[in-house]
PDB file of N, CA and C in Angstrom:
ATOM      1  N   MET A   1      26.738 -35.456 -12.568  1.00  0.00           N
ATOM      2  CA  MET A   1      27.946 -36.340 -12.163  1.00  0.00           C
ATOM      3  C   MET A   1      28.666 -35.267 -12.542  1.00  0.00           C
ATOM      4  N   ARG A   2      29.914 -35.811 -11.481  1.00  0.00           N
ATOM      5  CA  ARG A   2      31.525 -35.020 -12.026  1.00  0.00           C
ATOM      6  C   ARG A   2      31.879 -35.270 -12.927  1.00  0.00           C
ATOM      7  N   SER A   3      33.041 -34.487 -13.183  1.00  0.00           N
ATOM      8  CA  SER A   3      33.815 -34.983 -14.246  1.00  0.00           C
ATOM      9  C   SER A   3      35.328 -34.640 -13.766  1.00  0.00           C
ATOM     10  N   ALA A   4      35.532 -36.062 -14.505  1.00  0.00           N
ATOM     11  CA  ALA A   4      37.147 -36.720 -14.575  1.00  0.00           C
ATOM     12  C   ALA A   4      38.034 -35.292 -14.072  1.00  0.00           C
ATOM     13  N   ARG A   5      37.946 -34.827 -14.857  1.00  0.00           N
ATOM     14  CA  ARG A   5      38.975 -33.103 -14.326  1.00  0.00           C
ATOM     15  C   ARG A   5      38.247 -32.537 -13.127  1.00  0.00           C
ATOM     16  N   VAL A   6      38.342 -32.663 -12.152  1.00  0.00           N
ATOM     17  CA  VAL A   6      38.975 -31.718 -11.334  1.00  0.00           C
ATOM     18  C   VAL A   6      40.357 -30.651 -10.957  1.00  0.00           C
ATOM     19  N   PRO A   7      39.840 -29.556 -10.169  1.00  0.00           N
ATOM     20  CA  PRO A   7      40.447 -28.898  -9.990  1.00  0.00           C
ATOM     21  C   PRO A   7      40.923 -29.229  -8.880  1.00  0.00           C
ATOM     22  N   LEU A   8      42.758 -28.923  -8.351  1.00  0.00           N
ATOM     23  CA  LEU A   8      43.743 -29.184  -7.177  1.00  0.00           C
ATOM     24  C   LEU A   8      43.167 -28.752  -6.006  1.00  0.00           C
ATOM     25  N   ASP A   9      42.205 -27.461  -5.979  1.00  0.00           N
ATOM     26  CA  ASP A   9      42.155 -27.070  -4.595  1.00  0.00           C
ATOM     27  C   ASP A   9      40.926 -27.187  -4.805  1.00  0.00           C
ATOM     28  N   TRP A  10      40.136 -28.445  -5.406  1.00  0.00           N
ATOM     29  CA  TRP A  10      38.721 -28.370  -4.973  1.00  0.00           C
ATOM     30  C   TRP A  10      37.978 -28.655  -3.729  1.00  0.00           C
ATOM     31  N   ASP A  11      38.258 -29.146  -3.012  1.00  0.00           N
ATOM     32  CA  ASP A  11      37.356 -29.208  -1.600  1.00  0.00           C
ATOM     33  C   ASP A  11      38.182 -27.421  -0.522  1.00  0.00           C
ATOM     34  N   ARG A  12      39.315 -26.836  -1.165  1.00  0.00           N
ATOM     35  CA  ARG A  12      39.403 -25.442  -0.616  1.00  0.00           C
ATOM     36  C   ARG A  12      38.426 -24.380  -0.863  1.00  0.00           C
ATOM     37  N   VAL A  13      38.032 -24.585  -2.347  1.00  0.00           N
ATOM     38  CA  VAL A  13      37.350 -23.068  -2.952  1.00  0.00           C
ATOM     39  C   VAL A  13      35.948 -23.492  -2.338  1.00  0.00           C
ATOM     40  N   THR A  14      35.223 -22.479  -1.706  1.00  0.00           N
ATOM     41  CA  THR A  14      33.410 -21.832  -2.134  1.00  0.00           C
ATOM     42  C   THR A  14      33.559 -21.669  -3.522  1.00  0.00           C
ATOM     43  N   VAL A  15      32.067 -21.564  -3.613  1.00  0.00           N
ATOM     44  CA  VAL A  15      31.815 -20.756  -4.936  1.00  0.00           C
ATOM     45  C   VAL A  15      30.661 -19.061  -3.617  1.00  0.00           C
ATOM     46  N   PRO A  16      30.596 -18.393  -4.427  1.00  0.00           N
ATOM     47  CA  PRO A  16      29.879 -17.636  -3.718  1.00  0.00           C
ATOM     48  C   PRO A  16      28.244 -17.363  -3.795  1.00  0.00           C
ATOM     49  N   ARG A  17      27.465 -17.319  -2.926  1.00  0.00           N
ATOM     50  CA  ARG A  17      26.432 -16.983  -3.092  1.00  0.00           C
ATOM     51  C   ARG A  17      25.840 -16.120  -3.214  1.00  0.00           C
ATOM     52  N   GLY A  18      24.562 -15.527  -3.996  1.00  0.00           N
ATOM     53  CA  GLY A  18      24.300 -14.073  -3.712  1.00  0.00           C
ATOM     54  C   GLY A  18      22.636 -14.048  -4.225  1.00  0.00           C
ATOM     55  N   SER A  19      22.114 -12.766  -3.871  1.00  0.00           N
ATOM     56  CA  SER A  19      20.524 -12.458  -3.878  1.00  0.00           C
ATOM     57  C   SER A  19      20.141 -11.375  -4.786  1.00  0.00           C
ATOM     58  N   VAL A  20      19.354 -11.881  -5.822  1.00  0.00           N
ATOM     59  CA  VAL A  20      18.688 -11.098  -7.062  1.00  0.00           C
ATOM     60  C   VAL A  20      18.093 -10.031  -5.840  1.00  0.00           C
ATOM     61  N   HIS A  21      18.123  -8.411  -6.580  1.00  0.00           N
ATOM     62  CA  HIS A  21      17.203  -7.714  -6.034  1.00  0.00           C
ATOM     63  C   HIS A  21      16.983  -6.362  -7.461  1.00  0.00           C
ATOM     64  N   VAL A  22      15.985  -6.733  -7.807  1.00  0.00           N
ATOM     65  CA  VAL A  22      15.320  -5.750  -8.767  1.00  0.00           C
ATOM     66  C   VAL A  22      13.647  -4.485  -8.758  1.00  0.00           C
ATOM     67  N   ILE A  23      14.376  -3.108  -9.243  1.00  0.00           N
ATOM     68  CA  ILE A  23      13.681  -2.134  -8.777  1.00  0.00           C
ATOM     69  C   ILE A  23      12.733  -2.288 -10.248  1.00  0.00           C
ATOM     70  N   PRO A  24      11.982  -2.932 -10.464  1.00  0.00           N
ATOM     71  CA  PRO A  24      10.197  -2.641 -11.347  1.00  0.00           C
ATOM     72  C   PRO A  24      10.312  -1.853 -12.024  1.00  0.00           C
ATOM     73  N   HIS A  25      10.750  -0.786 -11.362  1.00  0.00           N
ATOM     74  CA  HIS A  25      10.044   0.580 -12.213  1.00  0.00           C
ATOM     75  C   HIS A  25      11.070   1.378 -12.926  1.00  0.00           C
ATOM     76  N   ARG A  26      12.566   0.798 -12.668  1.00  0.00           N
ATOM     77  CA  ARG A  26      13.121   1.432 -13.058  1.00  0.00           C
ATOM     78  C   ARG A  26      14.141   0.816 -15.439  1.00  0.00           C
ATOM     79  N   CYS A  27      13.476  -0.670 -14.677  1.00  0.00           N
ATOM     80  CA  CYS A  27      13.406  -1.936 -16.123  1.00  0.00           C
ATOM     81  C   CYS A  27      12.671  -1.115 -17.644  1.00  0.00           C
ATOM     82  N   LYS A  28      13.562  -1.208 -18.318  1.00  0.00           N
ATOM     83  CA  LYS A  28      13.032  -0.419 -19.339  1.00  0.00           C
ATOM     84  C   LYS A  28      13.130  -2.178 -20.695  1.00  0.00           C
ATOM     85  N   GLU A  29      13.384  -2.800 -20.233  1.00  0.00           N
ATOM     86  CA  GLU A  29      13.154  -4.526 -20.728  1.00  0.00           C
ATOM     87  C   GLU A  29      13.585  -4.852 -21.496  1.00  0.00           C
ATOM     88  N   CYS A  30      15.621  -4.071 -21.251  1.00  0.00           N
ATOM     89  CA  CYS A  30      16.417  -5.042 -22.529  1.00  0.00           C
ATOM     90  C   CYS A  30      16.709  -6.123 -22.618  1.00  0.00           C
ATOM     91  N   HIS A  31      16.721  -7.276 -21.791  1.00  0.00           N
ATOM     92  CA  HIS A  31      16.663  -7.867 -22.323  1.00  0.00           C
ATOM     93  C   HIS A  31      18.604  -8.713 -21.627  1.00  0.00           C
ATOM     94  N   PHE A  32      19.270  -7.868 -21.106  1.00  0.00           N
ATOM     95  CA  PHE A  32      20.778  -7.760 -21.167  1.00  0.00           C
ATOM     96  C   PHE A  32      20.454  -8.647 -19.640  1.00  0.00           C
ATOM     97  N   CYS A  33      20.398  -8.239 -18.765  1.00  0.00           N
ATOM     98  CA  CYS A  33      20.244  -8.881 -17.486  1.00  0.00           C
ATOM     99  C   CYS A  33      20.466 -11.172 -18.379  1.00  0.00           C
ATOM    100  N   VAL A  34      18.814 -10.894 -18.336  1.00  0.00           N
ATOM    101  CA  VAL A  34      18.434 -12.148 -18.689  1.00  0.00           C
ATOM    102  C   VAL A  34      19.278 -13.358 -19.359  1.00  0.00           C
ATOM    103  N   ASP A  35      19.788 -11.890 -21.123  1.00  0.00           N
ATOM    104  CA  ASP A  35      20.757 -13.223 -21.780  1.00  0.00           C
ATOM    105  C   ASP A  35      21.861 -13.933 -21.148  1.00  0.00           C
ATOM    106  N   PHE A  36      22.284 -12.417 -20.829  1.00  0.00           N
ATOM    107  CA  PHE A  36      24.081 -12.722 -20.650  1.00  0.00           C
ATOM    108  C   PHE A  36      24.220 -13.494 -18.989  1.00  0.00           C
ATOM    109  N   CYS A  37      22.894 -13.270 -17.737  1.00  0.00           N
ATOM    110  CA  CYS A  37      23.592 -14.797 -17.198  1.00  0.00           C
ATOM    111  C   CYS A  37      24.312 -15.727 -16.705  1.00  0.00           C
ATOM    112  N   PRO A  38      25.153 -15.491 -16.689  1.00  0.00           N
ATOM    113  CA  PRO A  38      26.044 -17.167 -16.882  1.00  0.00           C
ATOM    114  C   PRO A  38      25.123 -18.449 -16.015  1.00  0.00           C
ATOM    115  N   LYS A  39      24.937 -17.770 -14.885  1.00  0.00           N
ATOM    116  CA  LYS A  39      23.254 -19.367 -14.898  1.00  0.00           C
ATOM    117  C   LYS A  39      22.238 -19.262 -15.213  1.00  0.00           C
ATOM    118  N   ASP A  40      21.552 -18.447 -16.034  1.00  0.00           N
ATOM    119  CA  ASP A  40      20.382 -18.388 -16.067  1.00  0.00           C
ATOM    120  C   ASP A  40      19.696 -18.680 -15.064  1.00  0.00           C
ATOM    121  N   VAL A  41      19.802 -17.794 -14.563  1.00  0.00           N
ATOM    122  CA  VAL A  41      19.350 -17.101 -13.035  1.00  0.00           C
ATOM    123  C   VAL A  41      18.203 -16.713 -13.315  1.00  0.00           C
ATOM    124  N   LEU A  42      17.465 -15.852 -14.286  1.00  0.00           N
ATOM    125  CA  LEU A  42      16.194 -14.929 -14.258  1.00  0.00           C
ATOM    126  C   LEU A  42      16.077 -14.983 -15.632  1.00  0.00           C
ATOM    127  N   ALA A  43      14.530 -14.576 -15.581  1.00  0.00           N
ATOM    128  CA  ALA A  43      14.101 -14.703 -16.946  1.00  0.00           C
ATOM    129  C   ALA A  43      12.862 -13.157 -16.704  1.00  0.00           C
ATOM    130  N   LEU A  44      11.074 -13.032 -17.645  1.00  0.00           N
ATOM    131  CA  LEU A  44      11.130 -12.036 -17.581  1.00  0.00           C
ATOM    132  C   LEU A  44       9.789 -12.374 -16.920  1.00  0.00           C
ATOM    133  N   SER A  45       9.613 -11.259 -16.491  1.00  0.00           N
ATOM    134  CA  SER A  45       8.559 -11.330 -15.564  1.00  0.00           C
ATOM    135  C   SER A  45       7.019 -11.619 -16.313  1.00  0.00           C
ATOM    136  N   THR A  46       5.488 -12.286 -15.969  1.00  0.00           N
ATOM    137  CA  THR A  46       5.036 -11.793 -16.674  1.00  0.00           C
ATOM    138  C   THR A  46       3.693 -10.727 -16.614  1.00  0.00           C
ATOM    139  N   GLU A  47       4.438 -10.300 -15.631  1.00  0.00           N
ATOM    140  CA  GLU A  47       3.420  -9.103 -14.450  1.00  0.00           C
ATOM    141  C   GLU A  47       4.807  -7.351 -15.542  1.00  0.00           C
ATOM    142  N   THR A  48       4.110  -5.925 -15.228  1.00  0.00           N
ATOM    143  CA  THR A  48       4.413  -4.836 -15.930  1.00  0.00           C
ATOM    144  C   THR A  48       4.592  -4.127 -14.999  1.00  0.00           C
ATOM    145  N   ASN A  49       5.714  -3.563 -15.954  1.00  0.00           N
ATOM    146  CA  ASN A  49       5.841  -2.128 -14.877  1.00  0.00           C
ATOM    147  C   ASN A  49       4.824  -0.579 -14.766  1.00  0.00           C
ATOM    148  N   ALA A  50       4.911  -0.118 -14.634  1.00  0.00           N
ATOM    149  CA  ALA A  50       3.923   1.434 -14.901  1.00  0.00           C
ATOM    150  C   ALA A  50       4.240   1.715 -16.834  1.00  0.00           C
ATOM    151  N   LYS A  51       5.500   1.756 -17.243  1.00  0.00           N
ATOM    152  CA  LYS A  51       5.969   2.419 -18.293  1.00  0.00           C
ATOM    153  C   LYS A  51       5.030   0.973 -18.786  1.00  0.00           C
ATOM    154  N   GLY A  52       5.080  -0.261 -18.327  1.00  0.00           N
ATOM    155  CA  GLY A  52       4.365  -1.319 -19.626  1.00  0.00           C
ATOM    156  C   GLY A  52       5.475  -2.245 -20.380  1.00  0.00           C
ATOM    157  N   TYR A  53       6.983  -2.228 -19.436  1.00  0.00           N
ATOM    158  CA  TYR A  53       7.536  -2.909 -19.088  1.00  0.00           C
ATOM    159  C   TYR A  53       7.937  -4.397 -18.828  1.00  0.00           C
ATOM    160  N   ARG A  54       8.280  -5.217 -19.003  1.00  0.00           N
ATOM    161  CA  ARG A  54       8.318  -6.521 -18.114  1.00  0.00           C
ATOM    162  C   ARG A  54       9.539  -6.399 -17.808  1.00  0.00           C
ATOM    163  N   TYR A  55       9.904  -7.160 -16.377  1.00  0.00           N
ATOM    164  CA  TYR A  55      11.046  -6.518 -15.508  1.00  0.00           C
ATOM    165  C   TYR A  55      11.627  -8.214 -14.789  1.00  0.00           C
ATOM    166  N   PRO A  56      12.916  -7.986 -15.107  1.00  0.00           N
ATOM    167  CA  PRO A  56      13.561  -9.459 -14.323  1.00  0.00           C
ATOM    168  C   PRO A  56      13.234  -9.969 -13.244  1.00  0.00           C
ATOM    169  N   VAL A  57      13.066 -11.517 -12.669  1.00  0.00           N
ATOM    170  CA  VAL A  57      12.458 -12.226 -11.910  1.00  0.00           C
ATOM    171  C   VAL A  57      13.473 -13.253 -12.311  1.00  0.00           C
ATOM    172  N   VAL A  58      13.710 -14.086 -10.819  1.00  0.00           N
ATOM    173  CA  VAL A  58      14.364 -15.070 -10.754  1.00  0.00           C
ATOM    174  C   VAL A  58      13.802 -16.012 -11.258  1.00  0.00           C
ATOM    175  N   ALA A  59      14.555 -16.612 -12.271  1.00  0.00           N
ATOM    176  CA  ALA A  59      13.518 -17.911 -12.675  1.00  0.00           C
ATOM    177  C   ALA A  59      12.498 -18.998 -11.790  1.00  0.00           C
ATOM    178  N   PRO A  60      11.729 -19.821 -11.993  1.00  0.00           N
ATOM    179  CA  PRO A  60      11.560 -20.742 -11.025  1.00  0.00           C
ATOM    180  C   PRO A  60      12.941 -22.034 -10.717  1.00  0.00           C
ATOM    181  N   GLY A  61      12.990 -22.154 -10.078  1.00  0.00           N
ATOM    182  CA  GLY A  61      13.581 -23.168  -9.536  1.00  0.00           C
ATOM    183  C   GLY A  61      15.097 -23.001  -9.873  1.00  0.00           C
ATOM    184  N   LYS A  62      15.550 -20.912  -9.521  1.00  0.00           N
ATOM    185  CA  LYS A  62      17.130 -20.847  -9.748  1.00  0.00           C
ATOM    186  C   LYS A  62      17.307 -20.256  -8.274  1.00  0.00           C
ATOM    187  N   ASP A  63      16.155 -20.676  -7.534  1.00  0.00           N
ATOM    188  CA  ASP A  63      16.576 -19.346  -6.437  1.00  0.00           C
ATOM    189  C   ASP A  63      17.920 -19.732  -5.814  1.00  0.00           C
ATOM    190  N   GLU A  64      18.647 -20.425  -5.818  1.00  0.00           N
ATOM    191  CA  GLU A  64      20.104 -20.446  -5.165  1.00  0.00           C
ATOM    192  C   GLU A  64      20.912 -20.890  -6.762  1.00  0.00           C
ATOM    193  N   ALA A  65      20.536 -20.410  -7.321  1.00  0.00           N
ATOM    194  CA  ALA A  65      21.650 -20.900  -8.799  1.00  0.00           C
ATOM    195  C   ALA A  65      22.636 -19.382  -8.749  1.00  0.00           C
ATOM    196  N   CYS A  66      22.161 -18.255  -8.381  1.00  0.00           N
ATOM    197  CA  CYS A  66      22.972 -17.426  -8.773  1.00  0.00           C
ATOM    198  C   CYS A  66      24.246 -17.583  -7.239  1.00  0.00           C
ATOM    199  N   VAL A  67      25.769 -16.799  -7.709  1.00  0.00           N
ATOM    200  CA  VAL A  67      27.013 -16.992  -8.124  1.00  0.00           C
ATOM    201  C   VAL A  67      27.694 -15.815  -7.444  1.00  0.00           C
ATOM    202  N   HIS A  68      26.320 -14.902  -7.667  1.00  0.00           N
ATOM    203  CA  HIS A  68      27.041 -13.277  -7.138  1.00  0.00           C
ATOM    204  C   HIS A  68      28.539 -12.674  -7.948  1.00  0.00           C
ATOM    205  N   CYS A  69      27.373 -13.261  -9.441  1.00  0.00           N
ATOM    206  CA  CYS A  69      29.034 -12.581 -10.172  1.00  0.00           C
ATOM    207  C   CYS A  69      28.613 -10.952 -10.662  1.00  0.00           C
ATOM    208  N   GLU A  70      27.958 -10.447 -10.569  1.00  0.00           N
ATOM    209  CA  GLU A  70      27.406  -8.887 -10.615  1.00  0.00           C
ATOM    210  C   GLU A  70      27.456  -9.240 -12.239  1.00  0.00           C
ATOM    211  N   PHE A  71      27.134  -9.412 -12.189  1.00  0.00           N
ATOM    212  CA  PHE A  71      27.016  -9.179 -14.150  1.00  0.00           C
ATOM    213  C   PHE A  71      25.458  -8.328 -14.450  1.00  0.00           C
ATOM    214  N   CYS A  72      24.828  -9.125 -14.171  1.00  0.00           N
ATOM    215  CA  CYS A  72      23.659  -8.221 -14.129  1.00  0.00           C
ATOM    216  C   CYS A  72      23.360  -7.152 -14.020  1.00  0.00           C
ATOM    217  N   THR A  73      24.389  -6.095 -12.821  1.00  0.00           N
ATOM    218  CA  THR A  73      24.527  -5.306 -11.895  1.00  0.00           C
ATOM    219  C   THR A  73      25.486  -4.463 -13.568  1.00  0.00           C
ATOM    220  N   LEU A  74      26.150  -4.987 -13.919  1.00  0.00           N
ATOM    221  CA  LEU A  74      27.281  -4.398 -14.751  1.00  0.00           C
ATOM    222  C   LEU A  74      26.807  -4.540 -16.021  1.00  0.00           C
ATOM    223  N   VAL A  75      25.393  -4.895 -16.900  1.00  0.00           N
ATOM    224  CA  VAL A  75      25.034  -4.706 -18.311  1.00  0.00           C
ATOM    225  C   VAL A  75      23.853  -4.334 -17.760  1.00  0.00           C
ATOM    226  N   CYS A  76      23.735  -3.072 -16.697  1.00  0.00           N
ATOM    227  CA  CYS A  76      21.991  -3.113 -16.661  1.00  0.00           C
ATOM    228  C   CYS A  76      22.322  -1.766 -17.320  1.00  0.00           C
ATOM    229  N   PRO A  77      21.480  -0.969 -18.100  1.00  0.00           N
ATOM    230  CA  PRO A  77      21.448   0.128 -18.634  1.00  0.00           C
ATOM    231  C   PRO A  77      21.109   1.547 -17.740  1.00  0.00           C
ATOM    232  N   GLU A  78      19.858   0.645 -17.136  1.00  0.00           N
ATOM    233  CA  GLU A  78      19.144   1.392 -15.770  1.00  0.00           C
ATOM    234  C   GLU A  78      19.196   1.040 -14.734  1.00  0.00           C
ATOM    235  N   TYR A  79      19.970   0.941 -14.366  1.00  0.00           N
ATOM    236  CA  TYR A  79      20.583   0.440 -12.510  1.00  0.00           C
ATOM    237  C   TYR A  79      19.204  -0.134 -11.833  1.00  0.00           C
ATOM    238  N   ALA A  80      18.880  -1.087 -12.726  1.00  0.00           N
ATOM    239  CA  ALA A  80      17.178  -1.386 -12.348  1.00  0.00           C
ATOM    240  C   ALA A  80      17.282  -3.501 -11.208  1.00  0.00           C
ATOM    241  N   ILE A  81      19.072  -3.624 -11.716  1.00  0.00           N
ATOM    242  CA  ILE A  81      19.106  -4.878 -11.164  1.00  0.00           C
ATOM    243  C   ILE A  81      20.485  -4.947  -9.954  1.00  0.00           C
ATOM    244  N   PHE A  82      20.640  -5.574  -9.076  1.00  0.00           N
ATOM    245  CA  PHE A  82      21.310  -5.986  -8.573  1.00  0.00           C
ATOM    246  C   PHE A  82      21.851  -6.979  -7.917  1.00  0.00           C
ATOM    247  N   SER A  83      22.912  -7.630  -7.314  1.00  0.00           N
ATOM    248  CA  SER A  83      23.103  -9.068  -6.450  1.00  0.00           C
ATOM    249  C   SER A  83      23.677  -8.509  -5.019  1.00  0.00           C
ATOM    250  N   VAL A  84      23.220  -9.620  -3.932  1.00  0.00           N
ATOM    251  CA  VAL A  84      23.597  -8.557  -2.693  1.00  0.00           C
ATOM    252  C   VAL A  84      24.736 -10.033  -2.334  1.00  0.00           C
ATOM    253  N   GLU A  85      26.188 -10.176  -2.673  1.00  0.00           N
ATOM    254  CA  GLU A  85      25.960 -11.878  -1.417  1.00  0.00           C
ATOM    255  C   GLU A  85      25.857 -12.289  -0.365  1.00  0.00           C
ATOM    256  N   ILE A  86      25.344 -13.526  -0.559  1.00  0.00           N
ATOM    257  CA  ILE A  86      24.525 -14.224   0.684  1.00  0.00           C
ATOM    258  C   ILE A  86      25.994 -14.312   1.471  1.00  0.00           C
ATOM    259  N   PRO A  87      26.172 -13.979   3.039  1.00  0.00           N
ATOM    260  CA  PRO A  87      27.165 -14.598   3.862  1.00  0.00           C
ATOM    261  C   PRO A  87      27.680 -16.171   3.817  1.00  0.00           C
ATOM    262  N   ARG A  88      28.718 -16.334   3.884  1.00  0.00           N
ATOM    263  CA  ARG A  88      29.172 -17.808   3.865  1.00  0.00           C
ATOM    264  C   ARG A  88      28.106 -18.947   5.193  1.00  0.00           C
ATOM    265  N   ALA A  89      27.488 -18.005   5.822  1.00  0.00           N
ATOM    266  CA  ALA A  89      27.608 -18.687   7.974  1.00  0.00           C
ATOM    267  C   ALA A  89      25.786 -18.596   7.137  1.00  0.00           C
ATOM    268  N   GLU A  90      25.348 -17.842   6.917  1.00  0.00           N
ATOM    269  CA  GLU A  90      23.845 -18.270   6.097  1.00  0.00           C
ATOM    270  C   GLU A  90      23.364 -18.748   5.384  1.00  0.00           C
ATOM    271  N   VAL A  91      24.793 -19.204   4.262  1.00  0.00           N
ATOM    272  CA  VAL A  91      24.525 -20.423   3.661  1.00  0.00           C
ATOM    273  C   VAL A  91      24.639 -21.628   3.795  1.00  0.00           C
ATOM    274  N   MET A  92      24.983 -21.586   4.925  1.00  0.00           N
ATOM    275  CA  MET A  92      25.712 -22.744   5.715  1.00  0.00           C
ATOM    276  C   MET A  92      23.805 -23.079   7.211  1.00  0.00           C
ATOM    277  N   ALA A  93      23.555 -22.466   7.371  1.00  0.00           N
ATOM    278  CA  ALA A  93      22.651 -22.886   8.274  1.00  0.00           C
ATOM    279  C   ALA A  93      20.848 -23.420   7.491  1.00  0.00           C
TER     280      ALA A  93
END
């Protein structure tokens, strides 16, 4: 359901898409990326890395929800996660 308020440039705006990448062995399970993701794209894995920490994974059903805001990259103290923008041509295909 769309809201009654629609931006004037709604037909010209494209929402970016991203692909999340995790480096599991760097993660220390701080939860920052999971807690602060504005689209709730991330969840903690049931598996652990060699240090015994659960690392983030893309939550079930959220494969296409990342908007490449890169907030996960900014809040990760261990540089264990990043996103890459998916070019618009690949999104449309």
